[in-house]
Amino acid sequence: MRGRSALSSDAQNVRWALEWDMSGSGPIYEVECTTCGGSSEASEGSAGPDTWALEHADRTGHTGYRNILTRFSRASRSARSP
């Protein structure tokens, strides 16, 4: 997904765009137990956090989890066309 949103500023005649920034890491995945607050390590893939949640459920009987996905974005501006 390239352009998530765009805003215009009439006062400065500038158009801003907020886009996903994939120049570094991709999305970061984590899972947090909603019962005890325990959490997986952050990972660039979901397999590690998902495995942690299933193992945690097996050890503790806790069944509720919060999936945390962090994506990075960058705002950029350019002159608006008339």
N, C-alpha and C. Protein backbone atom coordinates (compact mmCIF):
# COMPACT_ATOMS: atom_id res chain seq x y z
N MET A 1 0.86 -1.17 0.00
CA MET A 1 0.00 0.00 0.00
C MET A 1 0.90 1.22 0.00
N ARG A 2 0.84 2.02 -1.02
CA ARG A 2 1.74 3.14 -1.13
C ARG A 2 1.24 4.39 -0.44
N GLY A 3 0.27 5.07 -0.96
CA GLY A 3 -0.20 6.31 -0.36
C GLY A 3 -1.38 6.06 0.55
N ARG A 4 -1.19 6.25 1.84
CA ARG A 4 -2.27 6.01 2.79
C ARG A 4 -3.21 7.19 2.83
N SER A 5 -2.69 8.40 2.90
CA SER A 5 -3.57 9.56 2.97
C SER A 5 -2.81 10.79 2.49
N ALA A 6 -3.56 11.79 2.13
CA ALA A 6 -2.96 13.03 1.67
C ALA A 6 -3.75 14.20 2.25
N LEU A 7 -3.05 15.24 2.64
CA LEU A 7 -3.68 16.44 3.18
C LEU A 7 -3.16 17.65 2.43
N SER A 8 -4.00 18.64 2.28
CA SER A 8 -3.59 19.87 1.62
C SER A 8 -3.56 21.01 2.62
N SER A 9 -2.65 21.92 2.43
CA SER A 9 -2.58 23.13 3.25
C SER A 9 -2.68 24.33 2.31
N ASP A 10 -3.84 24.99 2.30
CA ASP A 10 -4.02 26.14 1.41
C ASP A 10 -3.08 27.28 1.76
N ALA A 11 -2.79 27.45 3.05
CA ALA A 11 -1.94 28.56 3.47
C ALA A 11 -0.54 28.44 2.88
N GLN A 12 -0.04 27.25 2.74
CA GLN A 12 1.32 27.07 2.23
C GLN A 12 1.32 26.52 0.81
N ASN A 13 0.14 26.24 0.26
CA ASN A 13 0.02 25.65 -1.07
C ASN A 13 0.88 24.39 -1.19
N VAL A 14 0.79 23.56 -0.17
CA VAL A 14 1.60 22.35 -0.11
C VAL A 14 0.69 21.15 0.07
N ARG A 15 1.00 20.06 -0.57
CA ARG A 15 0.26 18.82 -0.41
C ARG A 15 1.17 17.83 0.33
N TRP A 16 0.63 17.27 1.40
CA TRP A 16 1.36 16.28 2.19
C TRP A 16 0.81 14.89 1.91
N ALA A 17 1.67 13.92 1.88
CA ALA A 17 1.26 12.53 1.71
C ALA A 17 1.94 11.69 2.79
N LEU A 18 1.20 10.77 3.38
CA LEU A 18 1.75 9.86 4.37
C LEU A 18 1.78 8.48 3.73
N GLU A 19 2.98 7.93 3.59
CA GLU A 19 3.16 6.65 2.92
C GLU A 19 3.90 5.68 3.82
N TRP A 20 3.65 4.38 3.61
CA TRP A 20 4.40 3.37 4.35
C TRP A 20 5.86 3.52 3.97
N ASP A 21 6.75 3.48 4.95
CA ASP A 21 8.19 3.60 4.73
C ASP A 21 8.79 2.20 4.79
N MET A 22 9.13 1.66 3.64
CA MET A 22 9.69 0.32 3.57
C MET A 22 11.20 0.37 3.34
N SER A 23 11.83 1.52 3.54
CA SER A 23 13.26 1.64 3.28
C SER A 23 14.10 0.88 4.30
N GLY A 24 13.56 0.65 5.47
CA GLY A 24 14.28 -0.11 6.49
C GLY A 24 13.59 -1.43 6.72
N SER A 25 13.16 -1.64 7.92
CA SER A 25 12.47 -2.87 8.28
C SER A 25 11.05 -2.87 7.73
N GLY A 26 10.53 -4.07 7.50
CA GLY A 26 9.12 -4.21 7.17
C GLY A 26 8.32 -4.12 8.47
N PRO A 27 7.07 -4.58 8.46
CA PRO A 27 6.26 -4.55 9.67
C PRO A 27 6.89 -5.35 10.80
N ILE A 28 6.63 -4.93 12.04
CA ILE A 28 7.12 -5.62 13.23
C ILE A 28 5.90 -6.22 13.93
N TYR A 29 5.95 -7.48 14.27
CA TYR A 29 4.84 -8.21 14.89
C TYR A 29 5.16 -8.54 16.34
N GLU A 30 4.16 -8.42 17.21
CA GLU A 30 4.25 -8.84 18.60
C GLU A 30 2.89 -9.37 19.03
N VAL A 31 2.88 -10.20 20.07
CA VAL A 31 1.64 -10.69 20.66
C VAL A 31 1.74 -10.47 22.16
N GLU A 32 0.65 -9.97 22.76
CA GLU A 32 0.62 -9.70 24.19
C GLU A 32 -0.58 -10.42 24.81
N CYS A 33 -0.34 -11.11 25.91
CA CYS A 33 -1.41 -11.81 26.63
C CYS A 33 -2.27 -10.77 27.34
N THR A 34 -3.59 -10.83 27.14
CA THR A 34 -4.48 -9.87 27.78
C THR A 34 -4.82 -10.26 29.21
N THR A 35 -4.39 -11.44 29.63
CA THR A 35 -4.63 -11.88 31.01
C THR A 35 -3.51 -11.44 31.94
N CYS A 36 -2.26 -11.73 31.54
CA CYS A 36 -1.13 -11.46 32.45
C CYS A 36 -0.18 -10.38 31.94
N GLY A 37 -0.34 -9.95 30.70
CA GLY A 37 0.53 -8.91 30.15
C GLY A 37 1.84 -9.44 29.58
N GLY A 38 2.06 -10.74 29.66
CA GLY A 38 3.27 -11.30 29.06
C GLY A 38 3.25 -11.06 27.56
N SER A 39 4.43 -11.00 26.95
CA SER A 39 4.45 -10.74 25.51
C SER A 39 5.61 -11.45 24.82
N SER A 40 5.42 -11.66 23.55
CA SER A 40 6.45 -12.25 22.71
C SER A 40 7.52 -11.21 22.44
N GLU A 41 8.61 -11.66 21.87
CA GLU A 41 9.62 -10.72 21.37
C GLU A 41 9.10 -10.15 20.06
N ALA A 42 9.57 -8.97 19.72
CA ALA A 42 9.22 -8.36 18.44
C ALA A 42 9.91 -9.14 17.32
N SER A 43 9.23 -9.25 16.19
CA SER A 43 9.76 -10.05 15.09
C SER A 43 9.33 -9.44 13.76
N GLU A 44 10.13 -9.64 12.72
CA GLU A 44 9.76 -9.15 11.40
C GLU A 44 8.78 -10.09 10.70
N GLY A 45 8.43 -11.18 11.33
CA GLY A 45 7.42 -12.10 10.81
C GLY A 45 6.48 -12.48 11.94
N SER A 46 5.31 -12.99 11.60
CA SER A 46 4.32 -13.30 12.64
C SER A 46 4.48 -14.70 13.22
N ALA A 47 5.28 -15.57 12.60
CA ALA A 47 5.39 -16.95 13.06
C ALA A 47 5.92 -17.04 14.50
N GLY A 48 6.95 -16.29 14.84
CA GLY A 48 7.52 -16.33 16.19
C GLY A 48 6.52 -15.89 17.25
N PRO A 49 5.90 -14.73 17.10
CA PRO A 49 4.89 -14.29 18.07
C PRO A 49 3.70 -15.24 18.16
N ASP A 50 3.26 -15.78 17.03
CA ASP A 50 2.13 -16.72 17.05
C ASP A 50 2.51 -17.99 17.82
N THR A 51 3.71 -18.49 17.60
CA THR A 51 4.18 -19.67 18.32
C THR A 51 4.26 -19.39 19.81
N TRP A 52 4.77 -18.20 20.16
CA TRP A 52 4.85 -17.82 21.57
C TRP A 52 3.47 -17.86 22.20
N ALA A 53 2.46 -17.30 21.52
CA ALA A 53 1.10 -17.25 22.07
C ALA A 53 0.55 -18.65 22.30
N LEU A 54 0.76 -19.55 21.36
CA LEU A 54 0.25 -20.91 21.51
C LEU A 54 0.96 -21.65 22.65
N GLU A 55 2.27 -21.46 22.75
CA GLU A 55 3.01 -22.08 23.86
C GLU A 55 2.59 -21.48 25.20
N HIS A 56 2.35 -20.17 25.23
CA HIS A 56 1.91 -19.50 26.45
C HIS A 56 0.53 -20.02 26.86
N ALA A 57 -0.35 -20.19 25.88
CA ALA A 57 -1.69 -20.73 26.17
C ALA A 57 -1.58 -22.14 26.75
N ASP A 58 -0.68 -22.93 26.19
CA ASP A 58 -0.50 -24.30 26.68
C ASP A 58 0.03 -24.31 28.11
N ARG A 59 0.97 -23.41 28.42
CA ARG A 59 1.56 -23.34 29.76
C ARG A 59 0.62 -22.77 30.80
N THR A 60 -0.16 -21.75 30.42
CA THR A 60 -0.92 -20.97 31.41
C THR A 60 -2.43 -21.14 31.34
N GLY A 61 -2.93 -21.58 30.20
CA GLY A 61 -4.38 -21.64 30.00
C GLY A 61 -4.96 -20.30 29.58
N HIS A 62 -4.12 -19.29 29.43
CA HIS A 62 -4.60 -17.97 28.99
C HIS A 62 -4.96 -18.04 27.50
N THR A 63 -6.10 -17.48 27.14
CA THR A 63 -6.58 -17.62 25.76
C THR A 63 -6.77 -16.31 25.01
N GLY A 64 -6.61 -15.17 25.67
CA GLY A 64 -6.82 -13.88 25.00
C GLY A 64 -5.50 -13.20 24.70
N TYR A 65 -5.35 -12.70 23.46
CA TYR A 65 -4.10 -12.07 23.04
C TYR A 65 -4.37 -10.82 22.22
N ARG A 66 -3.48 -9.86 22.37
CA ARG A 66 -3.53 -8.63 21.58
C ARG A 66 -2.42 -8.75 20.54
N ASN A 67 -2.79 -8.62 19.28
CA ASN A 67 -1.80 -8.64 18.20
C ASN A 67 -1.36 -7.20 17.95
N ILE A 68 -0.06 -6.99 18.00
CA ILE A 68 0.49 -5.65 17.81
C ILE A 68 1.29 -5.64 16.52
N LEU A 69 0.89 -4.79 15.60
CA LEU A 69 1.57 -4.66 14.32
C LEU A 69 2.07 -3.23 14.22
N THR A 70 3.37 -3.08 14.05
CA THR A 70 3.95 -1.76 13.91
C THR A 70 4.46 -1.61 12.48
N ARG A 71 3.96 -0.58 11.81
CA ARG A 71 4.46 -0.24 10.48
C ARG A 71 5.00 1.18 10.56
N PHE A 72 5.97 1.46 9.75
CA PHE A 72 6.59 2.77 9.76
C PHE A 72 6.09 3.56 8.56
N SER A 73 5.91 4.85 8.76
CA SER A 73 5.45 5.70 7.66
C SER A 73 6.29 6.97 7.64
N ARG A 74 6.21 7.67 6.54
CA ARG A 74 6.96 8.90 6.36
C ARG A 74 6.08 9.92 5.64
N ALA A 75 6.09 11.14 6.13
CA ALA A 75 5.35 12.23 5.49
C ALA A 75 6.28 12.92 4.50
N SER A 76 5.75 13.25 3.36
CA SER A 76 6.53 14.00 2.38
C SER A 76 5.64 15.07 1.79
N ARG A 77 6.24 16.10 1.27
CA ARG A 77 5.45 17.19 0.70
C ARG A 77 5.98 17.55 -0.68
N SER A 78 5.08 18.10 -1.45
CA SER A 78 5.44 18.59 -2.79
C SER A 78 4.48 19.72 -3.12
N ALA A 79 4.90 20.60 -4.02
CA ALA A 79 4.03 21.72 -4.43
C ALA A 79 2.79 21.16 -5.10
N ARG A 80 1.66 21.74 -4.78
CA ARG A 80 0.38 21.30 -5.35
C ARG A 80 0.25 21.84 -6.76
N SER A 81 -0.24 21.03 -7.68
CA SER A 81 -0.48 21.53 -9.04
C SER A 81 -1.75 22.38 -9.09
N PRO A 82 -1.74 23.38 -9.92
CA PRO A 82 -2.92 24.26 -10.01
C PRO A 82 -4.14 23.55 -10.55
